[in-house]
Amino acid sequence: MRTWFITGASRGFGALIAGEALARGDAVVATARNPKTVIDRFGHHPNLLAVALDVNDEGQAKAAAKAAVDRFGRIDVLVNNAGFGLLGAVEEASASEIEAVYRTNVFGLLAVTRAVLPQMREQRSGHVLNISSIGGYVGFQGWGVYCSTKFAVEGISESMAIELKPLGIHVTTVEPGFFRTDFLDETSLTTSPLVIEDYRETSGAMREFAGTANHGQPGDPERLAKAIITLVDSPNPPLRMPFGSDTVAAIEAKNAQVAQELAAWRTLAVSTDFPVDTAAA
């Protein structure tokens, strides 16, 4: 039996992953700002501990990790799922909007991770799943600030994977594409009220798309939750795990574009090294 610690577990991916883990007999520490929302969804399950957690509160994160260990003795899987989106051109986003999305998506993830890692290090085992996005690998118009938070998550995860591998702890960034969740609802998405006409064809078009695409996305959230179980069961999980055909296509397109651009500019790229002294060699 594994013990899962899941942030943002009252709805969306977090709740679905929690449900799959409970169904297989695992223990789940399901955190939410209001733990009653977790109980309302799952009831009083013997393997479930609902804990209040605002990921922006580092003290609460440490208390939640302690409660998990006090109840179940260990933490095997951390799912950093809590987060929200910000839609609008980079110039349209206000300082307060940018700070808010970074507080949750980046600083909140770091606070929870730092609270849980001491237990995983003591165990010399564990798996950290950081919920990123295809927007953490490919930038999109209208999502610049949001994408930047997920790019940060990807960089943090890559470095952590190197640091934690000798300690028996795996790290995976989960990169969903468009899934039929509530991500495009007001409960999960902030839209910058400032609209600049010059961005009509780029971020403006994305605003219109987001308004019509909600609940028509191609990805099935329940299938993703089941796939997460398969991922965690793997003895050699990947650093990056994309989900959705749209994500795979976007990654392949970016990789090809980067390779093409590197080939075109390779000569200039390597021209900045000190000259090699061939005579001395």
Protein backbone atom coordinates (compact mmCIF):
# COMPACT_ATOMS: atom_id res chain seq x y z
CA MET A 1 0.00 0.00 0.00
CA ARG A 2 1.35 3.41 -0.99
CA THR A 3 0.58 6.70 0.71
CA TRP A 4 -0.25 9.55 -1.65
CA PHE A 5 -0.09 13.26 -0.76
CA ILE A 6 -2.16 15.23 -3.27
CA THR A 7 -2.66 18.99 -3.40
CA GLY A 8 -5.78 20.51 -4.92
CA ALA A 9 -7.57 17.20 -4.34
CA SER A 10 -11.16 18.38 -4.11
CA ARG A 11 -11.76 18.50 -7.88
CA GLY A 12 -10.16 18.08 -11.29
CA PHE A 13 -7.13 15.88 -11.78
CA GLY A 14 -6.39 15.89 -8.05
CA ALA A 15 -9.74 14.39 -7.09
CA LEU A 16 -9.66 11.83 -9.89
CA ILE A 17 -6.16 10.65 -8.97
CA ALA A 18 -7.19 10.45 -5.32
CA GLY A 19 -10.20 8.33 -6.29
CA GLU A 20 -8.07 5.92 -8.33
CA ALA A 21 -5.54 5.56 -5.51
CA LEU A 22 -8.27 4.86 -2.94
CA ALA A 23 -9.92 2.34 -5.27
CA ARG A 24 -6.73 0.28 -5.42
CA GLY A 25 -6.42 0.23 -1.62
CA ASP A 26 -3.78 2.94 -1.20
CA ALA A 27 -3.82 5.61 1.49
CA VAL A 28 -4.46 9.17 0.38
CA VAL A 29 -3.75 12.46 2.09
CA ALA A 30 -6.04 14.75 0.11
CA THR A 31 -5.43 18.44 0.70
CA ALA A 32 -7.63 21.40 -0.14
CA ARG A 33 -8.23 24.89 1.17
CA ASN A 34 -11.45 23.52 2.63
CA PRO A 35 -11.09 19.83 3.54
CA LYS A 36 -14.88 19.49 3.80
CA THR A 37 -14.98 19.54 0.00
CA VAL A 38 -12.86 16.39 0.01
CA ILE A 39 -15.14 14.64 2.54
CA ASP A 40 -18.20 15.70 0.54
CA ARG A 41 -16.74 13.95 -2.51
CA PHE A 42 -15.26 10.79 -0.98
CA GLY A 43 -17.02 10.39 2.34
CA HIS A 44 -15.25 9.16 5.49
CA HIS A 45 -12.99 6.56 3.91
CA PRO A 46 -10.65 4.66 6.29
CA ASN A 47 -7.66 5.23 4.00
CA LEU A 48 -8.40 8.93 3.46
CA LEU A 49 -7.06 11.87 5.44
CA ALA A 50 -8.49 15.22 4.38
CA VAL A 51 -6.21 18.08 5.39
CA ALA A 52 -6.58 21.84 5.10
CA LEU A 53 -3.83 23.29 2.97
CA ASP A 54 -3.31 26.59 1.25
CA VAL A 55 -0.11 25.88 -0.69
CA ASN A 56 0.86 29.53 -0.29
CA ASP A 57 1.23 28.92 3.47
CA GLU A 58 4.54 27.16 4.17
CA GLY A 59 3.57 26.54 7.79
CA GLN A 60 0.42 24.76 6.69
CA ALA A 61 2.44 22.68 4.22
CA LYS A 62 4.76 21.46 6.98
CA ALA A 63 1.80 20.73 9.27
CA ALA A 64 0.03 18.78 6.50
CA ALA A 65 3.15 16.68 5.83
CA LYS A 66 3.46 15.93 9.55
CA ALA A 67 -0.21 14.94 9.73
CA ALA A 68 0.33 12.56 6.82
CA VAL A 69 3.28 10.84 8.48
CA ASP A 70 1.54 10.75 11.87
CA ARG A 71 -1.45 9.00 10.30
CA PHE A 72 0.14 6.68 7.73
CA GLY A 73 3.82 6.54 8.69
CA ARG A 74 5.22 7.56 5.28
CA ILE A 75 4.65 9.50 2.06
CA ASP A 76 5.34 7.55 -1.12
CA VAL A 77 3.90 9.79 -3.84
CA LEU A 78 3.61 13.57 -3.84
CA VAL A 79 1.28 15.00 -6.48
CA ASN A 80 1.75 18.76 -6.78
CA ASN A 81 -1.54 19.43 -8.54
CA ALA A 82 -2.76 22.74 -7.09
CA GLY A 83 -2.59 25.59 -9.59
CA PHE A 84 -4.58 27.87 -11.86
CA GLY A 85 -4.32 29.58 -15.22
CA LEU A 86 -3.94 33.19 -16.34
CA LEU A 87 -5.17 34.11 -19.81
CA GLY A 88 -4.06 37.28 -21.59
CA ALA A 89 -1.08 38.70 -23.44
CA VAL A 90 2.04 39.25 -21.34
CA GLU A 91 1.60 43.02 -21.61
CA GLU A 92 -2.06 42.74 -20.59
CA ALA A 93 -1.29 40.95 -17.30
CA SER A 94 -1.09 43.12 -14.19
CA ALA A 95 1.62 42.81 -11.54
CA SER A 96 -0.89 41.50 -9.00
CA GLU A 97 -2.16 38.84 -11.44
CA ILE A 98 1.38 37.71 -12.21
CA GLU A 99 2.33 37.55 -8.54
CA ALA A 100 -0.78 35.53 -7.67
CA VAL A 101 -0.22 32.85 -10.30
CA TYR A 102 3.46 32.54 -9.35
CA ARG A 103 2.58 32.27 -5.66
CA THR A 104 0.45 29.20 -6.28
CA ASN A 105 1.97 27.53 -9.33
CA VAL A 106 5.64 27.95 -8.40
CA PHE A 107 6.17 29.10 -4.81
CA GLY A 108 3.31 26.93 -3.53
CA LEU A 109 4.71 23.88 -5.30
CA LEU A 110 8.12 24.60 -3.78
CA ALA A 111 6.69 25.02 -0.28
CA VAL A 112 4.87 21.68 -0.39
CA THR A 113 7.84 19.88 -1.97
CA ARG A 114 10.23 21.18 0.68
CA ALA A 115 7.80 20.05 3.38
CA VAL A 116 7.52 16.49 2.01
CA LEU A 117 11.09 15.77 0.86
CA PRO A 118 12.59 15.30 4.35
CA GLN A 119 10.30 12.28 4.84
CA MET A 120 11.14 10.85 1.42
CA ARG A 121 14.86 11.33 2.07
CA GLU A 122 14.52 9.50 5.37
CA GLN A 123 12.75 6.62 3.59
CA ARG A 124 15.24 6.71 0.70
CA SER A 125 12.24 6.29 -1.60
CA GLY A 126 9.41 8.26 -3.14
CA HIS A 127 8.05 9.77 -6.34
CA VAL A 128 7.33 13.46 -6.88
CA LEU A 129 4.80 14.21 -9.62
CA ASN A 130 4.72 17.87 -10.58
CA ILE A 131 1.67 18.67 -12.68
CA SER A 132 2.99 20.89 -15.45
CA SER A 133 1.33 21.38 -18.83
CA ILE A 134 2.13 21.30 -22.51
CA GLY A 135 2.50 25.02 -21.73
CA GLY A 136 5.58 24.07 -19.72
CA TYR A 137 7.28 22.83 -22.88
CA VAL A 138 5.81 25.03 -25.60
CA GLY A 139 4.82 28.68 -25.27
CA PHE A 140 1.42 29.80 -26.59
CA GLN A 141 -0.03 33.20 -27.33
CA GLY A 142 -2.32 34.41 -24.55
CA TRP A 143 -0.74 32.08 -22.02
CA GLY A 144 2.71 33.66 -21.67
CA VAL A 145 2.69 34.26 -17.92
CA TYR A 146 0.98 30.95 -17.16
CA CYS A 147 3.42 29.11 -19.43
CA SER A 148 6.32 30.79 -17.65
CA THR A 149 5.15 29.30 -14.33
CA LYS A 150 5.06 25.84 -15.89
CA PHE A 151 8.45 26.35 -17.55
CA ALA A 152 9.68 27.09 -14.00
CA VAL A 153 8.13 23.85 -12.77
CA GLU A 154 9.93 21.95 -15.55
CA GLY A 155 13.29 23.49 -14.62
CA ILE A 156 12.79 22.81 -10.92
CA SER A 157 11.82 19.23 -11.71
CA GLU A 158 14.85 18.56 -13.95
CA SER A 159 17.23 19.77 -11.27
CA MET A 160 15.43 17.90 -8.49
CA ALA A 161 15.55 14.68 -10.50
CA ILE A 162 19.35 14.90 -10.59
CA GLU A 163 19.59 15.79 -6.90
CA LEU A 164 17.20 13.09 -5.71
CA LYS A 165 18.12 10.15 -7.93
CA PRO A 166 20.98 8.98 -5.65
CA LEU A 167 18.49 9.00 -2.76
CA GLY A 168 16.06 6.63 -4.49
CA ILE A 169 13.46 9.34 -5.21
CA HIS A 170 11.95 9.77 -8.68
CA VAL A 171 10.69 13.04 -10.17
CA THR A 172 8.26 13.31 -13.09
CA THR A 173 6.69 16.36 -14.70
CA VAL A 174 3.22 15.53 -15.97
CA GLU A 175 2.36 17.48 -19.14
CA PRO A 176 -1.34 17.35 -19.98
CA GLY A 177 -2.68 19.00 -23.09
CA PHE A 178 -6.30 20.13 -23.31
CA PHE A 179 -8.39 17.87 -21.07
CA ARG A 180 -12.09 18.09 -20.35
CA THR A 181 -11.74 19.47 -16.83
CA ASP A 182 -12.85 22.77 -15.29
CA PHE A 183 -9.51 24.42 -16.14
CA LEU A 184 -11.18 26.95 -18.45
CA ASP A 185 -13.87 27.75 -15.89
CA GLU A 186 -13.70 30.84 -13.69
CA THR A 187 -12.86 28.59 -10.72
CA SER A 188 -9.52 27.63 -12.29
CA LEU A 189 -8.78 30.44 -14.73
CA THR A 190 -8.16 34.15 -14.31
CA THR A 191 -8.56 36.28 -17.42
CA SER A 192 -6.82 39.64 -17.52
CA PRO A 193 -9.49 42.34 -17.85
CA LEU A 194 -7.17 44.62 -19.84
CA VAL A 195 -7.59 43.99 -23.56
CA ILE A 196 -5.13 45.64 -25.97
CA GLU A 197 -6.42 45.87 -29.52
CA ASP A 198 -2.98 45.22 -31.07
CA TYR A 199 -3.15 41.64 -29.75
CA ARG A 200 -6.49 40.85 -31.37
CA GLU A 201 -5.02 38.26 -33.77
CA THR A 202 -2.88 36.49 -31.15
CA SER A 203 -3.96 36.54 -27.53
CA GLY A 204 -7.35 37.92 -28.56
CA ALA A 205 -7.95 34.89 -30.76
CA MET A 206 -6.90 32.64 -27.86
CA ARG A 207 -9.41 34.35 -25.57
CA GLU A 208 -12.15 33.55 -28.08
CA PHE A 209 -10.96 29.95 -28.45
CA ALA A 210 -10.89 29.41 -24.68
CA GLY A 211 -14.45 30.67 -24.43
CA THR A 212 -15.74 28.14 -26.95
CA ALA A 213 -13.47 25.15 -26.21
CA ASN A 214 -14.47 24.65 -22.56
CA HIS A 215 -15.71 21.10 -21.89
CA GLY A 216 -15.04 20.16 -25.50
CA GLN A 217 -11.36 19.35 -25.05
CA PRO A 218 -10.10 16.04 -26.49
CA GLY A 219 -8.49 14.65 -23.32
CA ASP A 220 -10.39 12.35 -20.94
CA PRO A 221 -9.46 13.24 -17.31
CA GLU A 222 -10.49 9.81 -15.99
CA ARG A 223 -8.13 8.09 -18.42
CA LEU A 224 -5.34 10.40 -17.29
CA ALA A 225 -5.97 9.51 -13.63
CA LYS A 226 -5.71 5.80 -14.45
CA ALA A 227 -2.54 6.47 -16.47
CA ILE A 228 -0.99 8.18 -13.44
CA ILE A 229 -1.38 4.92 -11.51
CA THR A 230 0.44 3.07 -14.31
CA LEU A 231 3.16 5.73 -14.27
CA VAL A 232 3.71 5.42 -10.52
CA ASP A 233 3.80 1.62 -10.75
CA SER A 234 6.74 1.81 -13.18
CA PRO A 235 10.15 0.99 -11.63
CA ASN A 236 11.79 3.45 -14.04
CA PRO A 237 9.41 6.37 -14.58
CA PRO A 238 10.25 9.14 -17.08
CA LEU A 239 11.34 12.66 -16.23
CA ARG A 240 8.61 14.01 -18.52
CA MET A 241 5.28 12.33 -19.16
CA PRO A 242 3.12 14.03 -21.81
CA PHE A 243 -0.57 13.16 -21.94
CA GLY A 244 -2.84 13.72 -24.92
CA SER A 245 -2.32 13.45 -28.65
CA ASP A 246 -2.29 17.25 -28.88
CA THR A 247 0.60 17.37 -26.41
CA VAL A 248 2.61 14.74 -28.29
CA ALA A 249 2.11 16.62 -31.58
CA ALA A 250 3.15 19.94 -30.02
CA ILE A 251 6.31 18.43 -28.50
CA GLU A 252 7.29 16.80 -31.78
CA ALA A 253 6.74 20.07 -33.67
CA LYS A 254 8.81 22.09 -31.18
CA ASN A 255 11.64 19.55 -31.15
CA ALA A 256 11.79 19.68 -34.95
CA GLN A 257 11.73 23.49 -34.96
CA VAL A 258 14.51 23.71 -32.36
CA ALA A 259 16.67 21.24 -34.30
CA GLN A 260 16.12 23.18 -37.53
CA GLU A 261 16.95 26.52 -35.90
CA LEU A 262 20.06 25.12 -34.21
CA ALA A 263 21.33 23.74 -37.51
CA ALA A 264 20.77 27.11 -39.22
CA TRP A 265 22.60 29.09 -36.52
CA ARG A 266 25.19 26.54 -35.36
CA THR A 267 28.17 28.39 -36.84
CA LEU A 268 27.36 31.61 -35.00
CA ALA A 269 26.47 29.70 -31.84
CA VAL A 270 29.88 28.05 -31.52
CA SER A 271 31.83 31.10 -32.74
CA THR A 272 31.98 32.60 -29.24
CA ASP A 273 34.41 30.01 -27.82
CA PHE A 274 38.05 30.96 -27.34
CA PRO A 275 40.05 29.91 -30.42
CA VAL A 276 41.71 26.52 -30.13
CA ASP A 277 45.51 26.76 -30.30
CA THR A 278 46.12 24.08 -32.90
CA ALA A 279 49.89 24.65 -32.86
CA ALA A 280 50.11 23.88 -29.15
CA ALA A 281 47.98 20.78 -29.65
